[in-house]
Structures are given as structure tokens and as C-alpha cells.
Amino acid sequence: MEERRGTRRFALRLPVDVRLAGSDQEVHTQTKDVSARGVYFYLSNAIEEGEQIDFTLTLPPEITLTDSIHVKCRGRAVRIEPDAQAGKTGIAAVIDEYQFLS
């Protein structure tokens, strides 16, 4: 399988709150890995490739060297990987825009 990633991924387990398009419900999960352009996390909910998602990452003090920082992101699912063993779906999402929250 050919590697197509444009940026390096880091295996970081960060808290992430995911809001699917057209929903007010947030799903709390954590990332499997993170890059400058995207994230990978697992959801119990099935979503479609290309679906828009909003999510907020929490960068802990160990990374920021100060207080926790919340980063609000808007992106879209670019790869969906069902994981029958875990009973969840792996979501690779690209970050289209972001803003740091105070």
C-alpha cells in the first residue's frame, strides 16, 4: 500500500468532541493520531466519506507548556474504516479551518 500522507502523523491520544453535520449532539472520543492537516479518531456512529464534521481538540499542558488549549476545527471525513473487532468506525478527517478558543 502506497503512503499518501503529505505531513507526518503523531500518535497522540487527545480528547476530541465531535459534532456531525446537522446535529447538535456532541460525541466525546479521543484521537488515535494527529498531523498538521488532519486527525484520526474512532466513532460509534457511522458517517459518510466527504461528510462535514466540526470537532474541538484539547491540547493538554504537556504539549502547550501552559494551560490546556482548545482548538475548534471544521473539516470533512476523507476515509472511513469500519473496525468490526472494536465495534467502532475509524475516521480520517482533514482540517479545513481552525481557531484557537480562549
PDB file of N, CA and C in Angstrom:
ATOM      1  N   MET A   1       0.837  -1.185   0.000  1.00  0.00           N
ATOM      2  CA  MET A   1       0.000   0.000   0.000  1.00  0.00           C
ATOM      3  C   MET A   1       0.882   1.249   0.000  1.00  0.00           C
ATOM      4  N   GLU A   2       0.626   2.143  -0.909  1.00  0.00           N
ATOM      5  CA  GLU A   2       1.426   3.354  -1.059  1.00  0.00           C
ATOM      6  C   GLU A   2       1.035   4.395  -0.016  1.00  0.00           C
ATOM      7  N   GLU A   3       2.027   5.011   0.630  1.00  0.00           N
ATOM      8  CA  GLU A   3       1.797   6.065   1.612  1.00  0.00           C
ATOM      9  C   GLU A   3       1.457   7.358   0.878  1.00  0.00           C
ATOM     10  N   ARG A   4       0.298   7.952   1.201  1.00  0.00           N
ATOM     11  CA  ARG A   4      -0.150   9.161   0.508  1.00  0.00           C
ATOM     12  C   ARG A   4      -0.174  10.381   1.410  1.00  0.00           C
ATOM     13  N   ARG A   5       0.231  10.243   2.652  1.00  0.00           N
ATOM     14  CA  ARG A   5       0.164  11.364   3.579  1.00  0.00           C
ATOM     15  C   ARG A   5       1.177  12.431   3.187  1.00  0.00           C
ATOM     16  N   GLY A   6       0.732  13.694   3.266  1.00  0.00           N
ATOM     17  CA  GLY A   6       1.603  14.803   2.934  1.00  0.00           C
ATOM     18  C   GLY A   6       2.371  15.330   4.131  1.00  0.00           C
ATOM     19  N   THR A   7       1.891  15.038   5.338  1.00  0.00           N
ATOM     20  CA  THR A   7       2.571  15.503   6.543  1.00  0.00           C
ATOM     21  C   THR A   7       2.716  14.351   7.525  1.00  0.00           C
ATOM     22  N   ARG A   8       3.647  14.478   8.409  1.00  0.00           N
ATOM     23  CA  ARG A   8       3.920  13.434   9.398  1.00  0.00           C
ATOM     24  C   ARG A   8       2.800  13.365  10.434  1.00  0.00           C
ATOM     25  N   ARG A   9       2.428  12.157  10.806  1.00  0.00           N
ATOM     26  CA  ARG A   9       1.413  11.934  11.837  1.00  0.00           C
ATOM     27  C   ARG A   9       2.104  11.582  13.148  1.00  0.00           C
ATOM     28  N   PHE A  10       1.472  12.041  14.245  1.00  0.00           N
ATOM     29  CA  PHE A  10       1.983  11.773  15.577  1.00  0.00           C
ATOM     30  C   PHE A  10       0.932  10.984  16.350  1.00  0.00           C
ATOM     31  N   ALA A  11       1.338   9.902  16.964  1.00  0.00           N
ATOM     32  CA  ALA A  11       0.423   9.068  17.743  1.00  0.00           C
ATOM     33  C   ALA A  11       0.111   9.780  19.052  1.00  0.00           C
ATOM     34  N   LEU A  12      -0.902  10.629  19.024  1.00  0.00           N
ATOM     35  CA  LEU A  12      -1.304  11.396  20.198  1.00  0.00           C
ATOM     36  C   LEU A  12      -2.746  11.060  20.557  1.00  0.00           C
ATOM     37  N   ARG A  13      -2.968  10.699  21.783  1.00  0.00           N
ATOM     38  CA  ARG A  13      -4.315  10.438  22.287  1.00  0.00           C
ATOM     39  C   ARG A  13      -4.804  11.721  22.947  1.00  0.00           C
ATOM     40  N   LEU A  14      -5.522  12.529  22.173  1.00  0.00           N
ATOM     41  CA  LEU A  14      -6.038  13.805  22.668  1.00  0.00           C
ATOM     42  C   LEU A  14      -7.553  13.744  22.773  1.00  0.00           C
ATOM     43  N   PRO A  15      -8.130  14.374  23.803  1.00  0.00           N
ATOM     44  CA  PRO A  15      -9.587  14.452  23.872  1.00  0.00           C
ATOM     45  C   PRO A  15     -10.127  15.254  22.688  1.00  0.00           C
ATOM     46  N   VAL A  16     -11.211  14.757  22.114  1.00  0.00           N
ATOM     47  CA  VAL A  16     -11.845  15.460  21.000  1.00  0.00           C
ATOM     48  C   VAL A  16     -13.356  15.315  21.126  1.00  0.00           C
ATOM     49  N   ASP A  17     -14.061  16.425  20.950  1.00  0.00           N
ATOM     50  CA  ASP A  17     -15.524  16.445  20.918  1.00  0.00           C
ATOM     51  C   ASP A  17     -15.937  16.638  19.471  1.00  0.00           C
ATOM     52  N   VAL A  18     -16.716  15.693  18.947  1.00  0.00           N
ATOM     53  CA  VAL A  18     -17.083  15.690  17.529  1.00  0.00           C
ATOM     54  C   VAL A  18     -18.556  16.010  17.381  1.00  0.00           C
ATOM     55  N   ARG A  19     -18.868  16.920  16.479  1.00  0.00           N
ATOM     56  CA  ARG A  19     -20.254  17.261  16.153  1.00  0.00           C
ATOM     57  C   ARG A  19     -20.450  17.005  14.663  1.00  0.00           C
ATOM     58  N   LEU A  20     -21.384  16.121  14.360  1.00  0.00           N
ATOM     59  CA  LEU A  20     -21.660  15.790  12.969  1.00  0.00           C
ATOM     60  C   LEU A  20     -22.542  16.848  12.340  1.00  0.00           C
ATOM     61  N   ALA A  21     -22.440  16.991  11.036  1.00  0.00           N
ATOM     62  CA  ALA A  21     -23.237  17.981  10.306  1.00  0.00           C
ATOM     63  C   ALA A  21     -24.719  17.746  10.557  1.00  0.00           C
ATOM     64  N   GLY A  22     -25.459  18.836  10.812  1.00  0.00           N
ATOM     65  CA  GLY A  22     -26.898  18.746  11.009  1.00  0.00           C
ATOM     66  C   GLY A  22     -27.305  18.204  12.360  1.00  0.00           C
ATOM     67  N   SER A  23     -26.384  18.130  13.314  1.00  0.00           N
ATOM     68  CA  SER A  23     -26.695  17.589  14.633  1.00  0.00           C
ATOM     69  C   SER A  23     -26.186  18.532  15.711  1.00  0.00           C
ATOM     70  N   ASP A  24     -26.923  18.607  16.818  1.00  0.00           N
ATOM     71  CA  ASP A  24     -26.471  19.389  17.967  1.00  0.00           C
ATOM     72  C   ASP A  24     -25.779  18.509  18.999  1.00  0.00           C
ATOM     73  N   GLN A  25     -25.786  17.203  18.756  1.00  0.00           N
ATOM     74  CA  GLN A  25     -25.201  16.262  19.697  1.00  0.00           C
ATOM     75  C   GLN A  25     -23.698  16.166  19.499  1.00  0.00           C
ATOM     76  N   GLU A  26     -22.955  16.233  20.612  1.00  0.00           N
ATOM     77  CA  GLU A  26     -21.509  16.049  20.564  1.00  0.00           C
ATOM     78  C   GLU A  26     -21.153  14.646  21.034  1.00  0.00           C
ATOM     79  N   VAL A  27     -20.164  14.064  20.385  1.00  0.00           N
ATOM     80  CA  VAL A  27     -19.655  12.751  20.763  1.00  0.00           C
ATOM     81  C   VAL A  27     -18.251  12.957  21.321  1.00  0.00           C
ATOM     82  N   HIS A  28     -18.020  12.453  22.537  1.00  0.00           N
ATOM     83  CA  HIS A  28     -16.708  12.580  23.165  1.00  0.00           C
ATOM     84  C   HIS A  28     -15.896  11.341  22.833  1.00  0.00           C
ATOM     85  N   THR A  29     -14.699  11.551  22.295  1.00  0.00           N
ATOM     86  CA  THR A  29     -13.817  10.445  21.953  1.00  0.00           C
ATOM     87  C   THR A  29     -12.384  10.936  22.103  1.00  0.00           C
ATOM     88  N   GLN A  30     -11.429  10.241  21.534  1.00  0.00           N
ATOM     89  CA  GLN A  30     -10.053  10.717  21.547  1.00  0.00           C
ATOM     90  C   GLN A  30      -9.379  10.353  20.227  1.00  0.00           C
ATOM     91  N   THR A  31      -8.373  11.113  19.902  1.00  0.00           N
ATOM     92  CA  THR A  31      -7.668  10.885  18.656  1.00  0.00           C
ATOM     93  C   THR A  31      -6.774   9.649  18.775  1.00  0.00           C
ATOM     94  N   LYS A  32      -6.526   9.035  17.636  1.00  0.00           N
ATOM     95  CA  LYS A  32      -5.524   7.969  17.547  1.00  0.00           C
ATOM     96  C   LYS A  32      -4.205   8.598  17.116  1.00  0.00           C
ATOM     97  N   ASP A  33      -4.297   9.515  16.146  1.00  0.00           N
ATOM     98  CA  ASP A  33      -3.129  10.270  15.720  1.00  0.00           C
ATOM     99  C   ASP A  33      -3.552  11.618  15.153  1.00  0.00           C
ATOM    100  N   VAL A  34      -2.554  12.508  15.060  1.00  0.00           N
ATOM    101  CA  VAL A  34      -2.795  13.897  14.655  1.00  0.00           C
ATOM    102  C   VAL A  34      -1.669  14.335  13.734  1.00  0.00           C
ATOM    103  N   SER A  35      -2.005  15.159  12.741  1.00  0.00           N
ATOM    104  CA  SER A  35      -0.988  15.798  11.905  1.00  0.00           C
ATOM    105  C   SER A  35      -1.361  17.271  11.785  1.00  0.00           C
ATOM    106  N   ALA A  36      -0.555  18.023  11.068  1.00  0.00           N
ATOM    107  CA  ALA A  36      -0.841  19.445  10.875  1.00  0.00           C
ATOM    108  C   ALA A  36      -2.103  19.657  10.048  1.00  0.00           C
ATOM    109  N   ARG A  37      -2.491  18.663   9.251  1.00  0.00           N
ATOM    110  CA  ARG A  37      -3.640  18.824   8.352  1.00  0.00           C
ATOM    111  C   ARG A  37      -4.847  17.974   8.709  1.00  0.00           C
ATOM    112  N   GLY A  38      -4.711  17.079   9.698  1.00  0.00           N
ATOM    113  CA  GLY A  38      -5.839  16.213   9.972  1.00  0.00           C
ATOM    114  C   GLY A  38      -5.710  15.406  11.245  1.00  0.00           C
ATOM    115  N   VAL A  39      -6.758  14.617  11.516  1.00  0.00           N
ATOM    116  CA  VAL A  39      -6.812  13.777  12.703  1.00  0.00           C
ATOM    117  C   VAL A  39      -7.418  12.430  12.333  1.00  0.00           C
ATOM    118  N   TYR A  40      -7.193  11.456  13.201  1.00  0.00           N
ATOM    119  CA  TYR A  40      -7.824  10.144  13.063  1.00  0.00           C
ATOM    120  C   TYR A  40      -8.404   9.795  14.412  1.00  0.00           C
ATOM    121  N   PHE A  41      -9.697   9.419  14.429  1.00  0.00           N
ATOM    122  CA  PHE A  41     -10.356   9.045  15.674  1.00  0.00           C
ATOM    123  C   PHE A  41     -11.406   7.990  15.376  1.00  0.00           C
ATOM    124  N   TYR A  42     -11.957   7.410  16.437  1.00  0.00           N
ATOM    125  CA  TYR A  42     -12.988   6.383  16.296  1.00  0.00           C
ATOM    126  C   TYR A  42     -14.332   6.918  16.779  1.00  0.00           C
ATOM    127  N   LEU A  43     -15.396   6.538  16.071  1.00  0.00           N
ATOM    128  CA  LEU A  43     -16.768   6.873  16.452  1.00  0.00           C
ATOM    129  C   LEU A  43     -17.620   5.620  16.445  1.00  0.00           C
ATOM    130  N   SER A  44     -18.635   5.618  17.281  1.00  0.00           N
ATOM    131  CA  SER A  44     -19.630   4.547  17.238  1.00  0.00           C
ATOM    132  C   SER A  44     -20.611   4.793  16.103  1.00  0.00           C
ATOM    133  N   ASN A  45     -20.809   6.062  15.772  1.00  0.00           N
ATOM    134  CA  ASN A  45     -21.740   6.455  14.722  1.00  0.00           C
ATOM    135  C   ASN A  45     -21.100   6.258  13.355  1.00  0.00           C
ATOM    136  N   ALA A  46     -21.881   5.793  12.411  1.00  0.00           N
ATOM    137  CA  ALA A  46     -21.393   5.668  11.033  1.00  0.00           C
ATOM    138  C   ALA A  46     -21.605   7.006  10.324  1.00  0.00           C
ATOM    139  N   ILE A  47     -20.597   7.456   9.613  1.00  0.00           N
ATOM    140  CA  ILE A  47     -20.746   8.667   8.812  1.00  0.00           C
ATOM    141  C   ILE A  47     -20.266   8.362   7.398  1.00  0.00           C
ATOM    142  N   GLU A  48     -20.545   9.281   6.504  1.00  0.00           N
ATOM    143  CA  GLU A  48     -20.203   9.095   5.096  1.00  0.00           C
ATOM    144  C   GLU A  48     -18.885   9.790   4.767  1.00  0.00           C
ATOM    145  N   GLU A  49     -18.155   9.210   3.844  1.00  0.00           N
ATOM    146  CA  GLU A  49     -16.954   9.867   3.340  1.00  0.00           C
ATOM    147  C   GLU A  49     -17.366  11.187   2.702  1.00  0.00           C
ATOM    148  N   GLY A  50     -16.633  12.255   2.991  1.00  0.00           N
ATOM    149  CA  GLY A  50     -16.940  13.571   2.468  1.00  0.00           C
ATOM    150  C   GLY A  50     -17.851  14.387   3.368  1.00  0.00           C
ATOM    151  N   GLU A  51     -18.427  13.756   4.396  1.00  0.00           N
ATOM    152  CA  GLU A  51     -19.336  14.456   5.307  1.00  0.00           C
ATOM    153  C   GLU A  51     -18.576  15.493   6.122  1.00  0.00           C
ATOM    154  N   GLN A  52     -19.197  16.667   6.274  1.00  0.00           N
ATOM    155  CA  GLN A  52     -18.593  17.736   7.062  1.00  0.00           C
ATOM    156  C   GLN A  52     -18.738  17.421   8.545  1.00  0.00           C
ATOM    157  N   ILE A  53     -17.677  17.680   9.299  1.00  0.00           N
ATOM    158  CA  ILE A  53     -17.718  17.493  10.741  1.00  0.00           C
ATOM    159  C   ILE A  53     -17.045  18.673  11.431  1.00  0.00           C
ATOM    160  N   ASP A  54     -17.554  19.017  12.586  1.00  0.00           N
ATOM    161  CA  ASP A  54     -16.942  20.020  13.448  1.00  0.00           C
ATOM    162  C   ASP A  54     -16.402  19.285  14.661  1.00  0.00           C
ATOM    163  N   PHE A  55     -15.218  19.643  15.107  1.00  0.00           N
ATOM    164  CA  PHE A  55     -14.656  18.986  16.276  1.00  0.00           C
ATOM    165  C   PHE A  55     -13.750  19.946  17.027  1.00  0.00           C
ATOM    166  N   THR A  56     -13.659  19.719  18.316  1.00  0.00           N
ATOM    167  CA  THR A  56     -12.811  20.547  19.169  1.00  0.00           C
ATOM    168  C   THR A  56     -11.776  19.652  19.835  1.00  0.00           C
ATOM    169  N   LEU A  57     -10.524  19.934  19.543  1.00  0.00           N
ATOM    170  CA  LEU A  57      -9.396  19.219  20.149  1.00  0.00           C
ATOM    171  C   LEU A  57      -8.976  19.936  21.417  1.00  0.00           C
ATOM    172  N   THR A  58      -8.533  19.184  22.407  1.00  0.00           N
ATOM    173  CA  THR A  58      -7.979  19.777  23.612  1.00  0.00           C
ATOM    174  C   THR A  58      -6.500  19.429  23.676  1.00  0.00           C
ATOM    175  N   LEU A  59      -5.663  20.458  23.584  1.00  0.00           N
ATOM    176  CA  LEU A  59      -4.214  20.270  23.695  1.00  0.00           C
ATOM    177  C   LEU A  59      -3.843  20.415  25.166  1.00  0.00           C
ATOM    178  N   PRO A  60      -3.308  19.361  25.782  1.00  0.00           N
ATOM    179  CA  PRO A  60      -3.029  19.394  27.229  1.00  0.00           C
ATOM    180  C   PRO A  60      -1.768  20.187  27.555  1.00  0.00           C
ATOM    181  N   PRO A  61      -1.592  20.522  28.845  1.00  0.00           N
ATOM    182  CA  PRO A  61      -0.411  21.284  29.277  1.00  0.00           C
ATOM    183  C   PRO A  61       0.912  20.627  28.895  1.00  0.00           C
ATOM    184  N   GLU A  62       0.938  19.292  28.781  1.00  0.00           N
ATOM    185  CA  GLU A  62       2.173  18.607  28.403  1.00  0.00           C
ATOM    186  C   GLU A  62       2.638  19.001  26.998  1.00  0.00           C
ATOM    187  N   ILE A  63       1.701  19.423  26.168  1.00  0.00           N
ATOM    188  CA  ILE A  63       2.035  19.851  24.801  1.00  0.00           C
ATOM    189  C   ILE A  63       2.226  21.358  24.736  1.00  0.00           C
ATOM    190  N   THR A  64       1.323  22.110  25.394  1.00  0.00           N
ATOM    191  CA  THR A  64       1.337  23.571  25.284  1.00  0.00           C
ATOM    192  C   THR A  64       2.344  24.231  26.214  1.00  0.00           C
ATOM    193  N   LEU A  65       2.771  23.499  27.261  1.00  0.00           N
ATOM    194  CA  LEU A  65       3.666  24.029  28.295  1.00  0.00           C
ATOM    195  C   LEU A  65       3.038  25.209  29.034  1.00  0.00           C
ATOM    196  N   THR A  66       1.722  25.254  29.025  1.00  0.00           N
ATOM    197  CA  THR A  66       0.936  26.248  29.748  1.00  0.00           C
ATOM    198  C   THR A  66      -0.399  25.582  30.069  1.00  0.00           C
ATOM    199  N   ASP A  67      -1.487  26.323  30.064  1.00  0.00           N
ATOM    200  CA  ASP A  67      -2.810  25.732  30.298  1.00  0.00           C
ATOM    201  C   ASP A  67      -3.263  24.938  29.073  1.00  0.00           C
ATOM    202  N   SER A  68      -4.297  24.113  29.275  1.00  0.00           N
ATOM    203  CA  SER A  68      -4.895  23.398  28.141  1.00  0.00           C
ATOM    204  C   SER A  68      -5.443  24.413  27.146  1.00  0.00           C
ATOM    205  N   ILE A  69      -5.329  24.082  25.875  1.00  0.00           N
ATOM    206  CA  ILE A  69      -5.836  24.954  24.808  1.00  0.00           C
ATOM    207  C   ILE A  69      -6.828  24.157  23.979  1.00  0.00           C
ATOM    208  N   HIS A  70      -7.972  24.767  23.711  1.00  0.00           N
ATOM    209  CA  HIS A  70      -8.992  24.134  22.879  1.00  0.00           C
ATOM    210  C   HIS A  70      -8.892  24.707  21.466  1.00  0.00           C
ATOM    211  N   VAL A  71      -8.929  23.810  20.481  1.00  0.00           N
ATOM    212  CA  VAL A  71      -8.837  24.207  19.078  1.00  0.00           C
ATOM    213  C   VAL A  71     -10.109  23.738  18.382  1.00  0.00           C
ATOM    214  N   LYS A  72     -10.923  24.696  17.935  1.00  0.00           N
ATOM    215  CA  LYS A  72     -12.165  24.377  17.229  1.00  0.00           C
ATOM    216  C   LYS A  72     -11.845  24.211  15.747  1.00  0.00           C
ATOM    217  N   CYS A  73     -12.228  23.061  15.197  1.00  0.00           N
ATOM    218  CA  CYS A  73     -11.895  22.737  13.812  1.00  0.00           C
ATOM    219  C   CYS A  73     -13.149  22.428  13.005  1.00  0.00           C
ATOM    220  N   ARG A  74     -13.088  22.730  11.741  1.00  0.00           N
ATOM    221  CA  ARG A  74     -14.114  22.307  10.780  1.00  0.00           C
ATOM    222  C   ARG A  74     -13.372  21.530   9.713  1.00  0.00           C
ATOM    223  N   GLY A  75     -13.908  20.371   9.394  1.00  0.00           N
ATOM    224  CA  GLY A  75     -13.254  19.539   8.401  1.00  0.00           C
ATOM    225  C   GLY A  75     -14.236  18.601   7.750  1.00  0.00           C
ATOM    226  N   ARG A  76     -13.677  17.554   7.147  1.00  0.00           N
ATOM    227  CA  ARG A  76     -14.535  16.570   6.479  1.00  0.00           C
ATOM    228  C   ARG A  76     -13.856  15.222   6.533  1.00  0.00           C
ATOM    229  N   ALA A  77     -14.701  14.198   6.558  1.00  0.00           N
ATOM    230  CA  ALA A  77     -14.206  12.824   6.592  1.00  0.00           C
ATOM    231  C   ALA A  77     -13.656  12.461   5.222  1.00  0.00           C
ATOM    232  N   VAL A  78     -12.408  12.032   5.170  1.00  0.00           N
ATOM    233  CA  VAL A  78     -11.794  11.677   3.894  1.00  0.00           C
ATOM    234  C   VAL A  78     -11.569  10.174   3.760  1.00  0.00           C
ATOM    235  N   ARG A  79     -11.647   9.451   4.899  1.00  0.00           N
ATOM    236  CA  ARG A  79     -11.520   7.998   4.847  1.00  0.00           C
ATOM    237  C   ARG A  79     -12.298   7.407   6.011  1.00  0.00           C
ATOM    238  N   ILE A  80     -13.069   6.358   5.726  1.00  0.00           N
ATOM    239  CA  ILE A  80     -13.876   5.660   6.723  1.00  0.00           C
ATOM    240  C   ILE A  80     -13.398   4.210   6.777  1.00  0.00           C
ATOM    241  N   GLU A  81     -13.098   3.714   7.991  1.00  0.00           N
ATOM    242  CA  GLU A  81     -12.590   2.354   8.145  1.00  0.00           C
ATOM    243  C   GLU A  81     -13.357   1.630   9.250  1.00  0.00           C
ATOM    244  N   PRO A  82     -14.354   0.818   8.886  1.00  0.00           N
ATOM    245  CA  PRO A  82     -15.070   0.049   9.911  1.00  0.00           C
ATOM    246  C   PRO A  82     -14.119  -0.911  10.621  1.00  0.00           C
ATOM    247  N   ASP A  83     -14.244  -0.994  11.940  1.00  0.00           N
ATOM    248  CA  ASP A  83     -13.430  -1.903  12.751  1.00  0.00           C
ATOM    249  C   ASP A  83     -14.390  -2.816  13.503  1.00  0.00           C
ATOM    250  N   ALA A  84     -14.665  -3.976  12.923  1.00  0.00           N
ATOM    251  CA  ALA A  84     -15.645  -4.907  13.487  1.00  0.00           C
ATOM    252  C   ALA A  84     -15.233  -5.387  14.877  1.00  0.00           C
ATOM    253  N   GLN A  85     -13.949  -5.578  15.107  1.00  0.00           N
ATOM    254  CA  GLN A  85     -13.487  -6.055  16.412  1.00  0.00           C
ATOM    255  C   GLN A  85     -13.779  -5.035  17.507  1.00  0.00           C
ATOM    256  N   ALA A  86     -13.532  -3.758  17.220  1.00  0.00           N
ATOM    257  CA  ALA A  86     -13.748  -2.713  18.217  1.00  0.00           C
ATOM    258  C   ALA A  86     -15.205  -2.252  18.235  1.00  0.00           C
ATOM    259  N   GLY A  87     -15.967  -2.591  17.196  1.00  0.00           N
ATOM    260  CA  GLY A  87     -17.351  -2.140  17.121  1.00  0.00           C
ATOM    261  C   GLY A  87     -17.471  -0.658  16.868  1.00  0.00           C
ATOM    262  N   LYS A  88     -16.440  -0.082  16.304  1.00  0.00           N
ATOM    263  CA  LYS A  88     -16.424   1.356  16.017  1.00  0.00           C
ATOM    264  C   LYS A  88     -15.972   1.583  14.586  1.00  0.00           C
ATOM    265  N   THR A  89     -16.010   2.839  14.174  1.00  0.00           N
ATOM    266  CA  THR A  89     -15.578   3.218  12.837  1.00  0.00           C
ATOM    267  C   THR A  89     -14.420   4.188  12.945  1.00  0.00           C
ATOM    268  N   GLY A  90     -13.313   3.902  12.264  1.00  0.00           N
ATOM    269  CA  GLY A  90     -12.179   4.817  12.220  1.00  0.00           C
ATOM    270  C   GLY A  90     -12.457   5.905  11.205  1.00  0.00           C
ATOM    271  N   ILE A  91     -12.220   7.143  11.604  1.00  0.00           N
ATOM    272  CA  ILE A  91     -12.478   8.305  10.751  1.00  0.00           C
ATOM    273  C   ILE A  91     -11.181   9.081  10.560  1.00  0.00           C
ATOM    274  N   ALA A  92     -10.751   9.228   9.317  1.00  0.00           N
ATOM    275  CA  ALA A  92      -9.642  10.126   8.988  1.00  0.00           C
ATOM    276  C   ALA A  92     -10.290  11.412   8.481  1.00  0.00           C
ATOM    277  N   ALA A  93      -9.998  12.512   9.157  1.00  0.00           N
ATOM    278  CA  ALA A  93     -10.614  13.789   8.799  1.00  0.00           C
ATOM    279  C   ALA A  93      -9.546  14.821   8.487  1.00  0.00           C
ATOM    280  N   VAL A  94      -9.760  15.554   7.420  1.00  0.00           N
ATOM    281  CA  VAL A  94      -8.879  16.655   7.068  1.00  0.00           C
ATOM    282  C   VAL A  94      -9.401  17.902   7.782  1.00  0.00           C
ATOM    283  N   ILE A  95      -8.491  18.775   8.207  1.00  0.00           N
ATOM    284  CA  ILE A  95      -8.871  20.034   8.842  1.00  0.00           C
ATOM    285  C   ILE A  95      -8.879  21.109   7.767  1.00  0.00           C
ATOM    286  N   ASP A  96     -10.075  21.679   7.502  1.00  0.00           N
ATOM    287  CA  ASP A  96     -10.198  22.739   6.508  1.00  0.00           C
ATOM    288  C   ASP A  96      -9.994  24.121   7.115  1.00  0.00           C
ATOM    289  N   GLU A  97     -10.423  24.297   8.362  1.00  0.00           N
ATOM    290  CA  GLU A  97     -10.222  25.568   9.060  1.00  0.00           C
ATOM    291  C   GLU A  97     -10.207  25.314  10.556  1.00  0.00           C
ATOM    292  N   TYR A  98      -9.568  26.205  11.301  1.00  0.00           N
ATOM    293  CA  TYR A  98      -9.478  26.051  12.755  1.00  0.00           C
ATOM    294  C   TYR A  98      -9.342  27.403  13.415  1.00  0.00           C
ATOM    295  N   GLN A  99      -9.669  27.432  14.710  1.00  0.00           N
ATOM    296  CA  GLN A  99      -9.462  28.631  15.502  1.00  0.00           C
ATOM    297  C   GLN A  99      -9.179  28.216  16.939  1.00  0.00           C
ATOM    298  N   PHE A 100      -8.273  28.945  17.573  1.00  0.00           N
ATOM    299  CA  PHE A 100      -7.947  28.688  18.967  1.00  0.00           C
ATOM    300  C   PHE A 100      -8.983  29.382  19.830  1.00  0.00           C
ATOM    301  N   LEU A 101      -9.524  28.664  20.807  1.00  0.00           N
ATOM    302  CA  LEU A 101     -10.524  29.232  21.709  1.00  0.00           C
ATOM    303  C   LEU A 101      -9.846  29.721  22.967  1.00  0.00           C
ATOM    304  N   SER A 102     -10.366  30.803  23.505  1.00  0.00           N
ATOM    305  CA  SER A 102      -9.761  31.347  24.751  1.00  0.00           C
ATOM    306  C   SER A 102     -10.383  30.724  25.969  1.00  0.00           C
TER     307      SER A 102
END
